[in-house]
Amino acid sequence: MLEGLDKIDWKNLEHAYGEASDVPDLIRSLASNNIEEREDALWELYGNIFHQGTRYEATRYAIPFIFELIREPDITDKSILIRFTIDLALGYHEAFLPRGPNVENWIEDAGSFDAEDEEEKAYWIRHIDAFIDSYKATLKEVPTYLECLKNSEQDVKLTALFALAWFREEAQNTSEIVLSILRNEKNELLIMNALISLSMLDSYNDIRSHIDEIHDFFSNESNLIKIASSIALINILQDGVDAKFINFLINELPIISKMEMNPSDFPWNDGDILGFISEVLKFYAIENPEKIVIPLCNILKNLTGEQSLNLTSSLLWMVFPVPPEGSSQIKQKVWTLKELNKYQKRVLKTLVDNPNIWKLEDIDFENFNLLMKEYNLPSTISDLRKLLGLDLKK
């Protein structure tokens, strides 16, 4: 096992902290019988070949060896390693929800930055080859994911279903295999994740031949399966979807907001099913904001910091699809009260009225502040109140 590790010239490969000579020993430690050693090694690898979502020259060389571990019968933490490979392939997978990535667009995106985005453009130009190479190295290992579907451990099988969803190049084949899982599976969580995976695979090639079988799951007595069936049908049919599935998700929002799911049961959006559903619904809010924006705002009123981030991101995308004129060139420009429509005001007023979403364990939630800045919006409650013309004494 891992005999080829020392044949790679790691010293002349780069990761986040320079030469990648530490990588082979860290990969070996992933196979340790000592749980702390395995956890420490994974932590280090997340820090050097996947640093804040960035992949490096050394990343693609490491990927085949991680899959070699996944294929070993006696290796523990297989589901964790499968998830690690998806992170190495995609960066942060939630950026591609709910309809999956298209690597052909990555190079196009890298050249689309204007003169004011030189730093970000330089970042993409420097790393784009590593991003694509890491994705392709993982793509070659889709057969390993398929083998993991035969694993007797639920978490391995579930994470493999999640992993298969991201590779459109293999969708024609893998969608049929995932469908066969659905036809025979009895486990609620596996059915749920298989439905979402199948919907992404089918959407890549506009495959609609599975619609009737997916629709049958909407009659299931399990609420989770009905939710997943609705998500799947919306993902595949998109503009042609029956409004009843959108309405079902909207009506279920109060229940969904109270669901506590962890990433091992629902890997999408790291267990944030409410945030995932807001991503699914956001495409329909442009034409009908009253139907979608208002119910999501009502849910947002009662959320806390980390719990609210993905939902807030979706809401801001819905109501601020285009920054104010000139803001892409002049970073200092912000919205004015006169420019805001009623739905924009509703979202911002909801943010003002719930101070809990601005905090993470009693400290300022930096990711939330950065999200506000992306839309040229005030990143503090007091400044947002000023924008809305609210009495600061209240």
Protein backbone atom coordinates (compact mmCIF):
# COMPACT_ATOMS: atom_id res chain seq x y z
CA MET A 1 0.00 0.00 0.00
CA LEU A 2 1.21 3.50 -0.95
CA GLU A 3 4.39 2.07 -2.45
CA GLY A 4 4.43 4.79 -5.10
CA LEU A 5 4.51 7.68 -2.64
CA ASP A 6 8.29 7.96 -2.60
CA LYS A 7 8.50 7.96 -6.40
CA ILE A 8 6.98 11.46 -6.48
CA ASP A 9 9.42 14.36 -6.27
CA TRP A 10 7.45 16.07 -3.49
CA LYS A 11 10.32 18.44 -2.66
CA ASN A 12 9.89 20.11 -6.03
CA LEU A 13 6.13 20.36 -5.77
CA GLU A 14 4.39 23.31 -4.14
CA HIS A 15 1.61 23.58 -1.59
CA ALA A 16 0.36 26.46 0.58
CA TYR A 17 3.54 26.62 2.67
CA GLY A 18 6.16 25.97 0.02
CA GLU A 19 7.71 22.61 -0.84
CA ALA A 20 5.44 19.61 -0.35
CA SER A 21 7.98 17.26 1.21
CA ASP A 22 5.74 16.72 4.25
CA VAL A 23 2.83 15.35 2.20
CA PRO A 24 3.86 11.66 1.87
CA ASP A 25 4.23 11.12 5.61
CA LEU A 26 0.90 12.84 6.22
CA ILE A 27 -0.81 10.58 3.70
CA ARG A 28 0.71 7.53 5.40
CA SER A 29 -0.61 8.80 8.72
CA LEU A 30 -4.14 8.71 7.31
CA ALA A 31 -3.82 4.92 7.52
CA SER A 32 -2.66 4.93 11.14
CA ASN A 33 -4.42 2.86 13.79
CA ASN A 34 -4.19 5.90 16.07
CA ILE A 35 -7.23 8.15 15.67
CA GLU A 36 -5.40 11.27 16.85
CA GLU A 37 -2.64 10.69 14.33
CA ARG A 38 -5.21 10.31 11.55
CA GLU A 39 -7.07 13.45 12.61
CA ASP A 40 -3.86 15.48 12.88
CA ALA A 41 -2.71 14.32 9.44
CA LEU A 42 -6.04 15.24 7.85
CA TRP A 43 -5.93 18.64 9.56
CA GLU A 44 -2.46 19.27 8.17
CA LEU A 45 -3.44 18.18 4.67
CA TYR A 46 -6.49 20.44 4.71
CA GLY A 47 -4.08 23.23 5.62
CA ASN A 48 -1.41 22.65 3.00
CA ILE A 49 -2.89 21.04 -0.15
CA PHE A 50 -6.33 22.59 0.47
CA HIS A 51 -5.67 25.91 2.12
CA GLN A 52 -8.94 27.84 2.49
CA GLY A 53 -10.27 26.09 -0.59
CA THR A 54 -7.20 26.62 -2.76
CA ARG A 55 -5.62 23.64 -4.46
CA TYR A 56 -1.95 23.55 -5.39
CA GLU A 57 0.53 21.79 -7.64
CA ALA A 58 0.97 19.05 -5.03
CA THR A 59 -2.78 18.47 -4.64
CA ARG A 60 -3.33 16.45 -7.79
CA TYR A 61 -0.34 14.23 -6.96
CA ALA A 62 -1.79 13.48 -3.54
CA ILE A 63 -5.28 12.59 -4.79
CA PRO A 64 -4.51 9.11 -6.26
CA PHE A 65 -2.91 8.01 -3.01
CA ILE A 66 -5.93 9.08 -0.98
CA PHE A 67 -8.10 6.98 -3.29
CA GLU A 68 -5.68 4.11 -2.80
CA LEU A 69 -6.47 4.32 0.91
CA ILE A 70 -10.21 4.44 0.23
CA ARG A 71 -9.94 1.19 -1.75
CA GLU A 72 -8.16 -0.61 1.09
CA PRO A 73 -10.63 -2.92 2.90
CA ASP A 74 -9.29 -2.31 6.40
CA ILE A 75 -8.91 1.48 6.28
CA THR A 76 -11.13 3.36 8.72
CA ASP A 77 -12.61 6.82 8.11
CA LYS A 78 -13.48 5.98 4.49
CA SER A 79 -16.40 8.41 4.42
CA ILE A 80 -14.16 11.19 5.74
CA LEU A 81 -11.58 10.47 3.04
CA ILE A 82 -14.26 10.39 0.33
CA ARG A 83 -15.46 13.80 1.46
CA PHE A 84 -11.85 15.03 1.47
CA THR A 85 -11.47 14.05 -2.19
CA ILE A 86 -14.54 16.10 -3.13
CA ASP A 87 -13.08 19.10 -1.34
CA LEU A 88 -9.82 18.61 -3.24
CA ALA A 89 -11.73 18.39 -6.52
CA LEU A 90 -14.02 21.38 -6.00
CA GLY A 91 -12.80 23.61 -3.21
CA TYR A 92 -15.98 24.53 -1.37
CA HIS A 93 -18.71 22.40 -2.93
CA GLU A 94 -21.52 24.67 -1.74
CA ALA A 95 -20.40 27.26 -4.29
CA PHE A 96 -21.77 24.91 -6.98
CA LEU A 97 -25.12 24.11 -5.40
CA PRO A 98 -27.74 23.22 -6.33
CA ARG A 99 -26.93 22.36 -9.95
CA GLY A 100 -23.31 21.29 -9.84
CA PRO A 101 -20.06 22.49 -11.43
CA ASN A 102 -18.99 22.80 -15.04
CA VAL A 103 -15.21 22.80 -15.25
CA GLU A 104 -15.31 24.17 -18.78
CA ASN A 105 -16.52 27.44 -17.28
CA TRP A 106 -13.63 27.76 -14.85
CA ILE A 107 -11.10 28.99 -17.39
CA GLU A 108 -13.68 31.35 -18.86
CA ASP A 109 -14.39 32.73 -15.40
CA ALA A 110 -10.69 33.25 -14.75
CA GLY A 111 -10.47 35.66 -17.66
CA SER A 112 -13.63 37.59 -16.86
CA PHE A 113 -12.33 39.92 -14.13
CA ASP A 114 -12.17 43.62 -14.93
CA ALA A 115 -9.30 45.96 -14.20
CA GLU A 116 -10.50 46.50 -10.63
CA ASP A 117 -10.13 42.80 -9.86
CA GLU A 118 -6.43 42.37 -10.62
CA GLU A 119 -5.69 40.62 -7.33
CA GLU A 120 -8.48 38.08 -7.77
CA LYS A 121 -7.59 37.64 -11.44
CA ALA A 122 -3.96 36.94 -10.52
CA TYR A 123 -5.16 34.38 -7.96
CA TRP A 124 -7.17 32.52 -10.57
CA ILE A 125 -4.43 32.62 -13.18
CA ARG A 126 -1.94 31.27 -10.66
CA HIS A 127 -4.13 28.43 -9.43
CA ILE A 128 -6.51 27.57 -12.28
CA ASP A 129 -4.30 24.75 -13.59
CA ALA A 130 -4.17 23.18 -10.11
CA PHE A 131 -7.96 23.49 -9.79
CA ILE A 132 -8.58 21.75 -13.10
CA ASP A 133 -5.87 19.12 -12.57
CA SER A 134 -7.26 18.27 -9.12
CA TYR A 135 -10.78 17.94 -10.51
CA LYS A 136 -9.60 15.69 -13.35
CA ALA A 137 -7.50 13.54 -11.00
CA THR A 138 -10.64 12.96 -8.92
CA LEU A 139 -12.80 12.39 -11.99
CA LYS A 140 -10.59 9.43 -12.92
CA GLU A 141 -11.53 7.83 -9.62
CA VAL A 142 -15.30 7.77 -10.13
CA PRO A 143 -15.09 3.93 -10.32
CA THR A 144 -13.82 3.98 -6.73
CA TYR A 145 -16.91 5.91 -5.65
CA LEU A 146 -19.06 3.34 -7.45
CA GLU A 147 -17.34 0.53 -5.57
CA CYS A 148 -18.07 2.35 -2.31
CA LEU A 149 -21.78 2.09 -3.09
CA LYS A 150 -21.41 -1.63 -2.32
CA ASN A 151 -19.97 -0.94 1.12
CA SER A 152 -22.01 -2.24 4.04
CA GLU A 153 -21.40 0.87 6.13
CA GLN A 154 -24.13 3.48 5.70
CA ASP A 155 -21.86 6.50 6.02
CA VAL A 156 -19.54 5.22 3.27
CA LYS A 157 -22.41 4.49 0.90
CA LEU A 158 -24.07 7.82 1.65
CA THR A 159 -20.90 9.84 1.09
CA ALA A 160 -20.26 7.98 -2.16
CA LEU A 161 -23.72 9.00 -3.37
CA PHE A 162 -22.85 12.57 -2.51
CA ALA A 163 -19.49 12.30 -4.32
CA LEU A 164 -20.94 10.96 -7.57
CA ALA A 165 -23.20 13.99 -7.98
CA TRP A 166 -20.37 16.36 -8.92
CA PHE A 167 -19.05 14.75 -12.09
CA ARG A 168 -21.14 15.62 -15.12
CA GLU A 169 -18.70 13.85 -17.42
CA GLU A 170 -19.83 10.48 -16.03
CA ALA A 171 -23.48 11.39 -15.52
CA GLN A 172 -24.98 9.16 -18.21
CA ASN A 173 -23.56 6.06 -16.53
CA THR A 174 -23.70 7.02 -12.88
CA SER A 175 -27.28 8.29 -12.98
CA GLU A 176 -28.50 4.81 -13.91
CA ILE A 177 -26.49 3.27 -11.08
CA VAL A 178 -27.85 5.77 -8.55
CA LEU A 179 -31.36 5.08 -9.84
CA SER A 180 -30.83 1.37 -9.20
CA ILE A 181 -29.89 2.25 -5.61
CA LEU A 182 -33.15 4.16 -5.27
CA ARG A 183 -35.20 1.25 -6.57
CA ASN A 184 -33.87 -1.10 -3.91
CA GLU A 185 -32.98 1.09 -0.93
CA LYS A 186 -35.10 1.21 2.23
CA ASN A 187 -33.01 3.55 4.36
CA GLU A 188 -34.53 7.02 4.59
CA LEU A 189 -31.26 8.96 4.57
CA LEU A 190 -29.79 6.98 1.70
CA ILE A 191 -32.94 7.51 -0.37
CA MET A 192 -32.88 11.22 0.39
CA ASN A 193 -29.26 11.64 -0.68
CA ALA A 194 -29.68 9.41 -3.72
CA LEU A 195 -32.58 11.56 -4.94
CA ILE A 196 -30.53 14.74 -4.70
CA SER A 197 -27.52 13.10 -6.34
CA LEU A 198 -29.67 11.74 -9.16
CA SER A 199 -31.23 15.14 -9.75
CA MET A 200 -27.85 16.77 -10.25
CA LEU A 201 -26.66 13.99 -12.56
CA ASP A 202 -29.86 14.13 -14.62
CA SER A 203 -29.79 17.92 -14.85
CA TYR A 204 -26.34 17.90 -16.51
CA ASN A 205 -27.69 16.20 -19.63
CA ASP A 206 -31.35 17.16 -19.26
CA ILE A 207 -32.28 13.53 -18.60
CA ARG A 208 -36.03 13.40 -17.89
CA SER A 209 -36.66 9.69 -18.25
CA HIS A 210 -36.45 9.22 -14.47
CA ILE A 211 -39.04 11.85 -13.59
CA ASP A 212 -41.93 9.44 -12.95
CA GLU A 213 -39.88 7.33 -10.53
CA ILE A 214 -38.62 10.40 -8.71
CA HIS A 215 -42.18 11.73 -8.51
CA ASP A 216 -43.33 8.49 -6.86
CA PHE A 217 -41.15 9.33 -3.87
CA PHE A 218 -43.21 12.48 -3.31
CA SER A 219 -45.96 10.18 -2.00
CA ASN A 220 -43.64 8.65 0.58
CA GLU A 221 -44.71 8.96 4.21
CA SER A 222 -41.24 10.25 5.15
CA ASN A 223 -41.11 14.03 5.13
CA LEU A 224 -37.39 13.98 4.39
CA ILE A 225 -37.96 11.87 1.29
CA LYS A 226 -40.80 14.12 0.12
CA ILE A 227 -38.51 17.14 0.55
CA ALA A 228 -35.72 15.43 -1.39
CA SER A 229 -38.14 14.40 -4.15
CA SER A 230 -39.30 18.02 -4.48
CA ILE A 231 -35.71 19.26 -4.64
CA ALA A 232 -34.90 16.64 -7.27
CA LEU A 233 -37.84 17.49 -9.51
CA ILE A 234 -37.13 21.22 -9.26
CA ASN A 235 -33.47 20.62 -10.11
CA ILE A 236 -34.24 18.57 -13.20
CA LEU A 237 -37.32 20.35 -14.57
CA GLN A 238 -36.21 23.87 -13.56
CA ASP A 239 -38.47 26.37 -15.38
CA GLY A 240 -40.86 23.58 -16.34
CA VAL A 241 -41.42 22.31 -12.81
CA ASP A 242 -44.93 22.02 -11.38
CA ALA A 243 -45.44 24.85 -8.87
CA LYS A 244 -46.76 22.37 -6.30
CA PHE A 245 -43.22 21.22 -5.52
CA ILE A 246 -42.01 24.76 -4.97
CA ASN A 247 -45.08 25.46 -2.85
CA PHE A 248 -44.46 22.31 -0.82
CA LEU A 249 -40.94 23.41 0.09
CA ILE A 250 -42.15 26.90 0.97
CA ASN A 251 -44.91 25.51 3.20
CA GLU A 252 -42.43 23.17 4.89
CA LEU A 253 -39.93 25.94 5.71
CA PRO A 254 -40.98 26.27 9.39
CA ILE A 255 -40.45 22.53 9.88
CA ILE A 256 -37.25 22.44 7.82
CA SER A 257 -35.79 25.32 9.81
CA LYS A 258 -36.02 23.20 12.96
CA MET A 259 -34.37 20.14 11.43
CA GLU A 260 -30.98 19.37 12.89
CA MET A 261 -28.95 17.45 10.35
CA ASN A 262 -25.25 16.79 10.43
CA PRO A 263 -22.90 16.45 7.45
CA SER A 264 -22.64 12.70 7.87
CA ASP A 265 -26.39 12.40 7.21
CA PHE A 266 -26.78 15.29 4.77
CA PRO A 267 -23.41 16.27 3.22
CA TRP A 268 -24.89 18.94 0.98
CA ASN A 269 -24.10 22.37 2.40
CA ASP A 270 -22.47 20.58 5.33
CA GLY A 271 -25.81 19.57 6.80
CA ASP A 272 -27.53 22.93 6.32
CA ILE A 273 -30.70 21.69 4.66
CA LEU A 274 -32.46 25.05 5.08
CA GLY A 275 -29.61 26.84 3.32
CA PHE A 276 -29.64 24.20 0.59
CA ILE A 277 -33.36 24.67 -0.03
CA SER A 278 -32.95 28.44 -0.16
CA GLU A 279 -30.42 27.86 -2.96
CA VAL A 280 -32.96 25.70 -4.80
CA LEU A 281 -35.72 28.29 -4.42
CA LYS A 282 -33.70 31.38 -5.20
CA PHE A 283 -34.01 30.97 -8.97
CA TYR A 284 -37.78 31.37 -8.70
CA ALA A 285 -37.69 34.48 -6.52
CA ILE A 286 -36.82 36.86 -9.36
CA GLU A 287 -40.22 36.33 -10.98
CA ASN A 288 -42.15 35.93 -7.75
CA PRO A 289 -40.39 37.56 -4.79
CA GLU A 290 -43.56 37.79 -2.69
CA LYS A 291 -43.94 34.02 -2.80
CA ILE A 292 -40.36 33.18 -1.79
CA VAL A 293 -38.57 36.18 -0.27
CA ILE A 294 -41.20 36.88 2.38
CA PRO A 295 -41.42 33.31 3.77
CA LEU A 296 -37.62 33.08 3.89
CA CYS A 297 -37.44 36.39 5.74
CA ASN A 298 -39.96 35.06 8.25
CA ILE A 299 -37.65 32.11 8.89
CA LEU A 300 -34.55 34.29 9.08
CA LYS A 301 -36.09 36.27 11.95
CA ASN A 302 -35.48 33.38 14.33
CA LEU A 303 -32.08 32.09 13.24
CA THR A 304 -28.64 32.54 14.74
CA GLY A 305 -25.28 33.42 13.15
CA GLU A 306 -23.85 30.34 11.44
CA GLN A 307 -27.32 28.90 10.98
CA SER A 308 -28.36 31.96 8.96
CA LEU A 309 -25.36 32.49 6.68
CA ASN A 310 -26.40 30.40 3.68
CA LEU A 311 -30.01 31.56 3.87
CA THR A 312 -28.92 35.20 4.03
CA SER A 313 -26.60 34.65 1.07
CA SER A 314 -29.51 33.30 -0.97
CA LEU A 315 -31.80 36.13 0.04
CA LEU A 316 -29.26 38.79 -0.88
CA TRP A 317 -28.77 37.10 -4.25
CA MET A 318 -32.53 37.14 -4.80
CA VAL A 319 -33.12 40.80 -4.07
CA PHE A 320 -29.76 42.29 -5.03
CA PRO A 321 -29.02 40.42 -8.29
CA VAL A 322 -27.17 43.46 -9.66
CA PRO A 323 -25.07 45.84 -7.54
CA PRO A 324 -25.95 49.54 -7.71
CA GLU A 325 -24.74 51.23 -10.87
CA GLY A 326 -21.04 51.94 -10.73
CA SER A 327 -20.36 49.79 -7.67
CA SER A 328 -18.30 47.24 -9.57
CA GLN A 329 -15.92 50.01 -10.54
CA ILE A 330 -16.12 52.10 -7.36
CA LYS A 331 -15.81 49.87 -4.35
CA GLN A 332 -16.72 52.67 -1.91
CA LYS A 333 -20.18 53.19 -3.40
CA VAL A 334 -23.05 51.74 -1.33
CA TRP A 335 -26.78 51.53 -1.71
CA THR A 336 -28.97 54.47 -0.75
CA LEU A 337 -32.44 54.26 0.76
CA LYS A 338 -33.93 55.76 -2.39
CA GLU A 339 -32.51 52.93 -4.50
CA LEU A 340 -33.99 50.13 -2.40
CA ASN A 341 -37.20 48.39 -3.46
CA LYS A 342 -39.63 46.92 -0.94
CA TYR A 343 -38.14 43.44 -1.02
CA GLN A 344 -34.63 44.73 -0.50
CA LYS A 345 -35.89 46.78 2.42
CA ARG A 346 -37.70 43.72 3.82
CA VAL A 347 -34.55 41.60 3.77
CA LEU A 348 -32.38 44.33 5.29
CA LYS A 349 -34.98 45.13 7.95
CA THR A 350 -35.03 41.44 8.89
CA LEU A 351 -31.25 41.54 9.30
CA VAL A 352 -31.51 44.61 11.50
CA ASP A 353 -34.23 43.09 13.67
CA ASN A 354 -32.25 39.92 14.44
CA PRO A 355 -28.90 40.81 16.03
CA ASN A 356 -28.21 37.11 16.67
CA ILE A 357 -27.26 36.51 13.05
CA TRP A 358 -24.42 39.02 13.29
CA LYS A 359 -22.71 37.07 16.05
CA LEU A 360 -20.91 33.76 16.33
CA GLU A 361 -20.46 32.66 19.93
CA ASP A 362 -20.69 36.27 21.18
CA ILE A 363 -18.13 37.66 18.74
CA ASP A 364 -18.64 39.40 15.42
CA PHE A 365 -19.36 36.87 12.68
CA GLU A 366 -16.70 37.82 10.14
CA ASN A 367 -18.13 35.67 7.33
CA PHE A 368 -21.44 37.46 7.69
CA ASN A 369 -19.75 40.85 7.55
CA LEU A 370 -17.88 39.82 4.40
CA LEU A 371 -21.13 38.64 2.83
CA MET A 372 -22.70 42.06 3.36
CA LYS A 373 -19.68 43.75 1.84
CA GLU A 374 -20.00 41.62 -1.30
CA TYR A 375 -23.25 43.45 -2.02
CA ASN A 376 -21.82 46.84 -1.05
CA LEU A 377 -24.05 46.83 2.01
CA PRO A 378 -23.19 48.05 5.52
CA SER A 379 -21.44 45.37 7.55
CA THR A 380 -22.67 46.50 10.97
CA ILE A 381 -26.19 46.77 12.37
CA SER A 382 -25.78 50.45 13.23
CA ASP A 383 -24.68 51.34 9.70
CA LEU A 384 -27.47 49.25 8.21
CA ARG A 385 -29.99 51.08 10.39
CA LYS A 386 -28.63 54.36 9.03
CA LEU A 387 -29.09 53.12 5.47
CA LEU A 388 -32.71 52.20 6.26
CA GLY A 389 -33.33 55.53 7.98
CA LEU A 390 -34.18 53.90 11.29
CA ASP A 391 -33.95 55.69 14.63
CA LEU A 392 -30.70 54.49 16.19
CA LYS A 393 -32.16 55.03 19.67
CA LYS A 394 -34.75 52.35 19.14
